Amino acid sequence: MINNSFKVLLPLLLLLFVTLTPQWATAQPIGQMIYFKTDFCPWCNVFEREVLGIFNRTDEGKSLPITEVTLRSENSKFPEIEKTIPYVPTFVILDNDGNERGRIFGYSRDFFWSKLGDIIKNIHNDIDSGASQVKEIDPRVALDRDHY
């Protein structure tokens, strides 16, 4: 037998959970993430071991499906972006219109997930407000990790 206080508390807890759940937790694609790598990059290997196999099953991966690009490969789908990659791994986030919305340079677990969450949140905020705040990427500041 469920006591009356639990009957009242359960709907409130469910409402709180739904309210606090980020919008992208039930993600629809809002763009894509391009992962630039090389065959001999130790941090690329760490990323692939820790993240790549599960990424597209995460909420972030459902929001931004990942495309792998090996630098200097013959048939690059992104030759213009590839020219601006200073080192690997580099993750370039594009919105659904193909506009670049951010970059993550290098890989460390906490920094990667935090920065990716911020970029996704910014894209969702722009979608919700109807704004398109596309940032032009200046290659001269591409090494500044806090630029985006």
N, C-alpha and C. Protein backbone atom coordinates (compact mmCIF):
# COMPACT_ATOMS: atom_id res chain seq x y z
N MET A 1 0.84 -1.17 0.00
CA MET A 1 0.00 0.00 0.00
C MET A 1 0.89 1.25 0.00
N ILE A 2 0.65 2.14 -0.92
CA ILE A 2 1.42 3.37 -1.05
C ILE A 2 0.76 4.44 -0.19
N ASN A 3 1.56 5.07 0.68
CA ASN A 3 0.94 6.10 1.52
C ASN A 3 0.67 7.35 0.69
N ASN A 4 -0.18 8.20 1.19
CA ASN A 4 -0.65 9.37 0.44
C ASN A 4 0.47 10.37 0.14
N SER A 5 1.44 10.52 1.03
CA SER A 5 2.51 11.48 0.77
C SER A 5 3.35 11.05 -0.43
N PHE A 6 3.54 9.76 -0.61
CA PHE A 6 4.28 9.27 -1.76
C PHE A 6 3.52 9.52 -3.06
N LYS A 7 2.19 9.39 -3.01
CA LYS A 7 1.37 9.67 -4.19
C LYS A 7 1.48 11.12 -4.63
N VAL A 8 1.66 12.01 -3.69
CA VAL A 8 1.83 13.43 -4.00
C VAL A 8 3.27 13.71 -4.43
N LEU A 9 4.21 13.08 -3.78
CA LEU A 9 5.62 13.34 -4.03
C LEU A 9 6.10 12.81 -5.38
N LEU A 10 5.61 11.68 -5.82
CA LEU A 10 6.06 11.07 -7.08
C LEU A 10 5.83 11.98 -8.28
N PRO A 11 4.64 12.55 -8.48
CA PRO A 11 4.47 13.45 -9.64
C PRO A 11 5.38 14.69 -9.55
N LEU A 12 5.62 15.19 -8.36
CA LEU A 12 6.51 16.34 -8.21
C LEU A 12 7.94 15.98 -8.57
N LEU A 13 8.38 14.81 -8.17
CA LEU A 13 9.73 14.36 -8.53
C LEU A 13 9.86 14.17 -10.04
N LEU A 14 8.85 13.60 -10.67
CA LEU A 14 8.88 13.43 -12.12
C LEU A 14 8.93 14.77 -12.83
N LEU A 15 8.15 15.74 -12.35
CA LEU A 15 8.15 17.07 -12.94
C LEU A 15 9.52 17.72 -12.78
N LEU A 16 10.13 17.58 -11.63
CA LEU A 16 11.46 18.13 -11.39
C LEU A 16 12.49 17.49 -12.32
N PHE A 17 12.42 16.18 -12.48
CA PHE A 17 13.35 15.48 -13.36
C PHE A 17 13.21 15.97 -14.80
N VAL A 18 11.99 16.09 -15.29
CA VAL A 18 11.76 16.54 -16.67
C VAL A 18 12.22 17.98 -16.84
N THR A 19 11.98 18.81 -15.84
CA THR A 19 12.36 20.22 -15.92
C THR A 19 13.87 20.39 -15.94
N LEU A 20 14.60 19.59 -15.17
CA LEU A 20 16.04 19.73 -15.07
C LEU A 20 16.81 18.97 -16.13
N THR A 21 16.15 18.14 -16.91
CA THR A 21 16.81 17.39 -17.96
C THR A 21 17.15 18.33 -19.11
N PRO A 22 18.42 18.37 -19.56
CA PRO A 22 18.76 19.25 -20.68
C PRO A 22 17.95 18.90 -21.91
N GLN A 23 17.70 19.91 -22.74
CA GLN A 23 16.90 19.70 -23.95
C GLN A 23 17.52 18.64 -24.85
N TRP A 24 18.84 18.61 -24.92
CA TRP A 24 19.48 17.69 -25.85
C TRP A 24 19.54 16.28 -25.30
N ALA A 25 18.98 16.03 -24.10
CA ALA A 25 19.00 14.67 -23.56
C ALA A 25 18.11 13.76 -24.39
N THR A 26 17.11 14.32 -25.04
CA THR A 26 16.28 13.55 -25.97
C THR A 26 16.60 14.08 -27.36
N ALA A 27 17.81 13.86 -27.76
CA ALA A 27 18.43 14.60 -28.85
C ALA A 27 17.96 14.21 -30.24
N GLN A 28 17.79 15.24 -31.04
CA GLN A 28 17.67 15.13 -32.48
C GLN A 28 18.94 15.76 -33.03
N PRO A 29 19.43 15.31 -34.18
CA PRO A 29 20.66 15.91 -34.71
C PRO A 29 20.52 17.41 -34.91
N ILE A 30 21.49 18.14 -34.39
CA ILE A 30 21.53 19.60 -34.56
C ILE A 30 22.75 19.99 -35.38
N GLY A 31 23.43 19.01 -35.92
CA GLY A 31 24.63 19.25 -36.72
C GLY A 31 25.49 18.01 -36.74
N GLN A 32 26.79 18.23 -36.82
CA GLN A 32 27.72 17.11 -36.79
C GLN A 32 29.04 17.55 -36.18
N MET A 33 29.78 16.58 -35.68
CA MET A 33 31.10 16.84 -35.16
C MET A 33 32.10 16.11 -36.06
N ILE A 34 33.06 16.86 -36.57
CA ILE A 34 34.09 16.27 -37.42
C ILE A 34 35.34 16.08 -36.56
N TYR A 35 35.80 14.86 -36.51
CA TYR A 35 36.96 14.49 -35.71
C TYR A 35 38.15 14.34 -36.64
N PHE A 36 39.10 15.29 -36.56
CA PHE A 36 40.31 15.24 -37.37
C PHE A 36 41.40 14.53 -36.59
N LYS A 37 42.04 13.56 -37.24
CA LYS A 37 43.03 12.72 -36.59
C LYS A 37 44.14 12.37 -37.56
N THR A 38 45.18 11.74 -37.04
CA THR A 38 46.21 11.11 -37.86
C THR A 38 46.40 9.69 -37.33
N ASP A 39 47.06 8.88 -38.10
CA ASP A 39 47.28 7.49 -37.70
C ASP A 39 48.26 7.35 -36.55
N PHE A 40 49.12 8.36 -36.34
CA PHE A 40 50.18 8.24 -35.34
C PHE A 40 50.01 9.24 -34.20
N CYS A 41 48.78 9.54 -33.85
CA CYS A 41 48.48 10.51 -32.80
C CYS A 41 48.12 9.79 -31.50
N PRO A 42 48.95 9.89 -30.46
CA PRO A 42 48.64 9.16 -29.22
C PRO A 42 47.36 9.64 -28.55
N TRP A 43 47.05 10.95 -28.60
CA TRP A 43 45.81 11.43 -27.98
C TRP A 43 44.59 11.03 -28.79
N CYS A 44 44.75 10.86 -30.09
CA CYS A 44 43.66 10.32 -30.91
C CYS A 44 43.35 8.89 -30.46
N ASN A 45 44.41 8.12 -30.20
CA ASN A 45 44.21 6.75 -29.74
C ASN A 45 43.48 6.71 -28.40
N VAL A 46 43.82 7.63 -27.50
CA VAL A 46 43.14 7.70 -26.20
C VAL A 46 41.66 8.04 -26.41
N PHE A 47 41.38 9.05 -27.24
CA PHE A 47 40.00 9.42 -27.54
C PHE A 47 39.23 8.23 -28.12
N GLU A 48 39.84 7.56 -29.07
CA GLU A 48 39.16 6.42 -29.70
C GLU A 48 38.88 5.31 -28.70
N ARG A 49 39.81 5.07 -27.80
CA ARG A 49 39.63 4.03 -26.80
C ARG A 49 38.55 4.41 -25.78
N GLU A 50 38.55 5.67 -25.34
CA GLU A 50 37.64 6.10 -24.29
C GLU A 50 36.26 6.51 -24.78
N VAL A 51 36.16 7.05 -26.00
CA VAL A 51 34.92 7.72 -26.41
C VAL A 51 34.33 7.20 -27.72
N LEU A 52 35.15 7.03 -28.72
CA LEU A 52 34.63 6.85 -30.08
C LEU A 52 33.64 5.70 -30.21
N GLY A 53 33.91 4.59 -29.58
CA GLY A 53 33.03 3.43 -29.73
C GLY A 53 31.63 3.63 -29.19
N ILE A 54 31.49 4.52 -28.21
CA ILE A 54 30.17 4.73 -27.59
C ILE A 54 29.55 6.08 -27.93
N PHE A 55 30.30 6.95 -28.59
CA PHE A 55 29.87 8.34 -28.76
C PHE A 55 28.49 8.45 -29.40
N ASN A 56 28.26 7.78 -30.50
CA ASN A 56 26.99 7.94 -31.21
C ASN A 56 25.79 7.39 -30.45
N ARG A 57 26.05 6.67 -29.34
CA ARG A 57 24.95 6.19 -28.49
C ARG A 57 24.67 7.14 -27.33
N THR A 58 25.51 8.16 -27.15
CA THR A 58 25.30 9.13 -26.08
C THR A 58 24.35 10.22 -26.57
N ASP A 59 23.80 11.00 -25.63
CA ASP A 59 22.94 12.12 -26.01
C ASP A 59 23.71 13.13 -26.85
N GLU A 60 24.97 13.36 -26.50
CA GLU A 60 25.80 14.28 -27.27
C GLU A 60 26.01 13.75 -28.69
N GLY A 61 26.25 12.47 -28.81
CA GLY A 61 26.45 11.86 -30.11
C GLY A 61 25.19 11.84 -30.96
N LYS A 62 24.05 11.74 -30.31
CA LYS A 62 22.78 11.81 -31.05
C LYS A 62 22.53 13.24 -31.53
N SER A 63 23.00 14.22 -30.76
CA SER A 63 22.87 15.61 -31.18
C SER A 63 23.85 15.96 -32.29
N LEU A 64 25.07 15.43 -32.18
CA LEU A 64 26.15 15.74 -33.12
C LEU A 64 26.84 14.45 -33.55
N PRO A 65 26.26 13.71 -34.48
CA PRO A 65 26.93 12.49 -34.95
C PRO A 65 28.35 12.82 -35.42
N ILE A 66 29.25 11.88 -35.18
CA ILE A 66 30.66 12.13 -35.45
C ILE A 66 31.08 11.59 -36.82
N THR A 67 31.92 12.35 -37.49
CA THR A 67 32.53 11.94 -38.74
C THR A 67 34.03 11.98 -38.55
N GLU A 68 34.70 10.87 -38.83
CA GLU A 68 36.16 10.81 -38.69
C GLU A 68 36.83 11.23 -39.99
N VAL A 69 37.87 12.05 -39.87
CA VAL A 69 38.65 12.46 -41.03
C VAL A 69 40.13 12.31 -40.69
N THR A 70 40.83 11.51 -41.47
CA THR A 70 42.28 11.38 -41.31
C THR A 70 42.93 12.49 -42.12
N LEU A 71 43.71 13.33 -41.45
CA LEU A 71 44.36 14.45 -42.14
C LEU A 71 45.23 13.96 -43.28
N ARG A 72 45.23 14.75 -44.31
CA ARG A 72 46.03 14.51 -45.51
C ARG A 72 45.65 13.23 -46.24
N SER A 73 44.40 12.80 -46.06
CA SER A 73 43.93 11.67 -46.86
C SER A 73 43.53 12.19 -48.23
N GLU A 74 43.52 11.32 -49.21
CA GLU A 74 43.30 11.76 -50.59
C GLU A 74 41.90 12.28 -50.85
N ASN A 75 40.89 11.71 -50.22
CA ASN A 75 39.50 12.07 -50.53
C ASN A 75 38.81 12.76 -49.36
N SER A 76 39.41 13.81 -48.84
CA SER A 76 38.82 14.52 -47.71
C SER A 76 37.51 15.18 -48.12
N LYS A 77 36.49 15.04 -47.27
CA LYS A 77 35.20 15.68 -47.52
C LYS A 77 35.22 17.15 -47.08
N PHE A 78 36.25 17.53 -46.32
CA PHE A 78 36.30 18.86 -45.74
C PHE A 78 37.66 19.52 -45.98
N PRO A 79 38.07 19.68 -47.25
CA PRO A 79 39.42 20.20 -47.51
C PRO A 79 39.64 21.62 -47.00
N GLU A 80 38.63 22.47 -47.04
CA GLU A 80 38.80 23.85 -46.57
C GLU A 80 38.98 23.91 -45.07
N ILE A 81 38.21 23.12 -44.34
CA ILE A 81 38.37 23.08 -42.88
C ILE A 81 39.71 22.44 -42.54
N GLU A 82 40.07 21.40 -43.26
CA GLU A 82 41.31 20.67 -42.98
C GLU A 82 42.53 21.60 -43.01
N LYS A 83 42.49 22.60 -43.88
CA LYS A 83 43.61 23.54 -43.99
C LYS A 83 43.83 24.33 -42.71
N THR A 84 42.79 24.45 -41.87
CA THR A 84 42.88 25.28 -40.66
C THR A 84 43.14 24.45 -39.40
N ILE A 85 43.41 23.16 -39.56
CA ILE A 85 43.62 22.29 -38.40
C ILE A 85 45.09 22.37 -37.99
N PRO A 86 45.40 22.97 -36.81
CA PRO A 86 46.80 23.14 -36.42
C PRO A 86 47.43 21.87 -35.86
N TYR A 87 46.63 21.04 -35.21
CA TYR A 87 47.15 19.79 -34.66
C TYR A 87 45.98 18.86 -34.36
N VAL A 88 46.30 17.64 -34.03
CA VAL A 88 45.26 16.64 -33.79
C VAL A 88 45.39 16.12 -32.36
N PRO A 89 44.28 15.64 -31.82
CA PRO A 89 42.96 15.67 -32.41
C PRO A 89 42.33 17.06 -32.34
N THR A 90 41.54 17.37 -33.34
CA THR A 90 40.73 18.58 -33.35
C THR A 90 39.32 18.16 -33.72
N PHE A 91 38.36 18.70 -33.00
CA PHE A 91 36.95 18.41 -33.21
C PHE A 91 36.27 19.69 -33.67
N VAL A 92 35.68 19.67 -34.86
CA VAL A 92 35.01 20.84 -35.42
C VAL A 92 33.52 20.55 -35.41
N ILE A 93 32.75 21.45 -34.80
CA ILE A 93 31.31 21.27 -34.68
C ILE A 93 30.62 22.17 -35.69
N LEU A 94 29.79 21.55 -36.52
CA LEU A 94 28.99 22.27 -37.52
C LEU A 94 27.52 22.15 -37.15
N ASP A 95 26.75 23.22 -37.40
CA ASP A 95 25.31 23.12 -37.19
C ASP A 95 24.66 22.49 -38.42
N ASN A 96 23.35 22.35 -38.40
CA ASN A 96 22.65 21.69 -39.51
C ASN A 96 22.75 22.47 -40.82
N ASP A 97 23.10 23.76 -40.74
CA ASP A 97 23.27 24.56 -41.95
C ASP A 97 24.70 24.52 -42.47
N GLY A 98 25.57 23.76 -41.78
CA GLY A 98 26.96 23.64 -42.21
C GLY A 98 27.86 24.75 -41.69
N ASN A 99 27.33 25.59 -40.79
CA ASN A 99 28.12 26.67 -40.21
C ASN A 99 28.94 26.14 -39.03
N GLU A 100 30.19 26.56 -38.98
CA GLU A 100 31.03 26.13 -37.87
C GLU A 100 30.60 26.84 -36.60
N ARG A 101 30.39 26.05 -35.53
CA ARG A 101 29.90 26.60 -34.27
C ARG A 101 30.90 26.50 -33.14
N GLY A 102 31.97 25.76 -33.33
CA GLY A 102 32.98 25.66 -32.29
C GLY A 102 34.01 24.62 -32.63
N ARG A 103 35.10 24.67 -31.86
CA ARG A 103 36.18 23.70 -32.01
C ARG A 103 36.66 23.27 -30.64
N ILE A 104 37.10 22.04 -30.58
CA ILE A 104 37.75 21.53 -29.39
C ILE A 104 39.12 21.05 -29.84
N PHE A 105 40.15 21.64 -29.26
CA PHE A 105 41.52 21.31 -29.64
C PHE A 105 42.10 20.36 -28.61
N GLY A 106 42.64 19.24 -29.07
CA GLY A 106 43.24 18.27 -28.17
C GLY A 106 42.16 17.44 -27.49
N TYR A 107 42.61 16.52 -26.63
CA TYR A 107 41.65 15.69 -25.91
C TYR A 107 42.11 15.44 -24.49
N SER A 108 41.27 15.79 -23.57
CA SER A 108 41.31 15.30 -22.20
C SER A 108 39.84 15.09 -21.83
N ARG A 109 39.56 14.03 -21.14
CA ARG A 109 38.18 13.59 -20.93
C ARG A 109 37.29 14.72 -20.39
N ASP A 110 37.67 15.32 -19.27
CA ASP A 110 36.80 16.32 -18.65
C ASP A 110 36.63 17.56 -19.52
N PHE A 111 37.75 18.04 -20.08
CA PHE A 111 37.66 19.22 -20.94
C PHE A 111 36.79 18.96 -22.16
N PHE A 112 36.97 17.80 -22.79
CA PHE A 112 36.20 17.45 -23.98
C PHE A 112 34.70 17.48 -23.70
N TRP A 113 34.25 16.75 -22.68
CA TRP A 113 32.81 16.65 -22.40
C TRP A 113 32.25 18.00 -21.96
N SER A 114 33.00 18.75 -21.19
CA SER A 114 32.53 20.06 -20.73
C SER A 114 32.37 21.02 -21.90
N LYS A 115 33.39 21.10 -22.73
CA LYS A 115 33.36 22.01 -23.89
C LYS A 115 32.27 21.60 -24.88
N LEU A 116 32.14 20.30 -25.12
CA LEU A 116 31.11 19.82 -26.04
C LEU A 116 29.72 20.16 -25.50
N GLY A 117 29.51 19.98 -24.21
CA GLY A 117 28.22 20.34 -23.61
C GLY A 117 27.91 21.82 -23.78
N ASP A 118 28.92 22.67 -23.60
CA ASP A 118 28.73 24.12 -23.78
C ASP A 118 28.34 24.46 -25.21
N ILE A 119 29.00 23.84 -26.17
CA ILE A 119 28.72 24.12 -27.58
C ILE A 119 27.30 23.66 -27.94
N ILE A 120 26.93 22.47 -27.48
CA ILE A 120 25.58 21.97 -27.75
C ILE A 120 24.54 22.88 -27.13
N LYS A 121 24.78 23.32 -25.90
CA LYS A 121 23.84 24.21 -25.23
C LYS A 121 23.69 25.52 -26.00
N ASN A 122 24.80 26.06 -26.50
CA ASN A 122 24.74 27.30 -27.28
C ASN A 122 23.95 27.12 -28.57
N ILE A 123 24.13 26.00 -29.25
CA ILE A 123 23.37 25.75 -30.48
C ILE A 123 21.88 25.64 -30.15
N HIS A 124 21.55 24.91 -29.09
CA HIS A 124 20.14 24.80 -28.69
C HIS A 124 19.55 26.15 -28.29
N ASN A 125 20.32 26.97 -27.59
CA ASN A 125 19.83 28.30 -27.22
C ASN A 125 19.52 29.13 -28.46
N ASP A 126 20.39 29.03 -29.47
CA ASP A 126 20.15 29.76 -30.71
C ASP A 126 18.93 29.22 -31.44
N ILE A 127 18.75 27.91 -31.44
CA ILE A 127 17.57 27.31 -32.08
C ILE A 127 16.31 27.78 -31.38
N ASP A 128 16.32 27.74 -30.03
CA ASP A 128 15.16 28.14 -29.26
C ASP A 128 14.81 29.61 -29.44
N SER A 129 15.82 30.46 -29.58
CA SER A 129 15.57 31.89 -29.71
C SER A 129 15.35 32.30 -31.17
N GLY A 130 15.57 31.38 -32.09
CA GLY A 130 15.43 31.70 -33.51
C GLY A 130 16.62 32.45 -34.06
N ALA A 131 17.65 32.62 -33.24
CA ALA A 131 18.84 33.36 -33.67
C ALA A 131 19.84 32.43 -34.31
N SER A 132 20.65 32.98 -35.14
CA SER A 132 21.76 32.24 -35.71
C SER A 132 23.02 33.02 -35.41
N GLN A 133 23.71 32.61 -34.36
CA GLN A 133 24.91 33.32 -33.96
C GLN A 133 26.14 32.55 -34.41
N VAL A 134 26.36 32.55 -35.69
CA VAL A 134 27.48 31.82 -36.26
C VAL A 134 28.75 32.63 -36.06
N LYS A 135 29.78 31.99 -35.57
CA LYS A 135 31.06 32.65 -35.36
C LYS A 135 31.96 32.36 -36.54
N GLU A 136 32.57 33.42 -37.05
CA GLU A 136 33.58 33.24 -38.07
C GLU A 136 34.85 32.75 -37.36
N ILE A 137 35.47 31.74 -37.92
CA ILE A 137 36.67 31.18 -37.32
C ILE A 137 37.88 31.86 -37.93
N ASP A 138 38.64 32.54 -37.10
CA ASP A 138 39.86 33.21 -37.53
C ASP A 138 41.03 32.27 -37.27
N PRO A 139 41.69 31.77 -38.31
CA PRO A 139 42.79 30.82 -38.11
C PRO A 139 43.90 31.37 -37.23
N ARG A 140 44.03 32.70 -37.14
CA ARG A 140 45.09 33.28 -36.30
C ARG A 140 44.84 33.03 -34.82
N VAL A 141 43.56 32.81 -34.44
CA VAL A 141 43.26 32.55 -33.03
C VAL A 141 42.84 31.11 -32.81
N ALA A 142 43.04 30.29 -33.81
CA ALA A 142 42.59 28.90 -33.73
C ALA A 142 43.26 28.12 -32.61
N LEU A 143 44.42 28.56 -32.16
CA LEU A 143 45.10 27.85 -31.09
C LEU A 143 44.61 28.26 -29.71
N ASP A 144 43.80 29.29 -29.64
CA ASP A 144 43.28 29.77 -28.35
C ASP A 144 42.13 28.87 -27.93
N ARG A 145 42.36 27.98 -26.96
CA ARG A 145 41.37 26.99 -26.55
C ARG A 145 40.11 27.62 -25.98
N ASP A 146 40.20 28.84 -25.44
CA ASP A 146 39.04 29.47 -24.83
C ASP A 146 38.33 30.41 -25.80
N HIS A 147 38.76 30.45 -27.04
CA HIS A 147 38.15 31.34 -28.02
C HIS A 147 36.69 31.00 -28.25
N TYR A 148 36.36 29.75 -28.18
CA TYR A 148 34.99 29.33 -28.46
C TYR A 148 34.31 29.11 -27.17
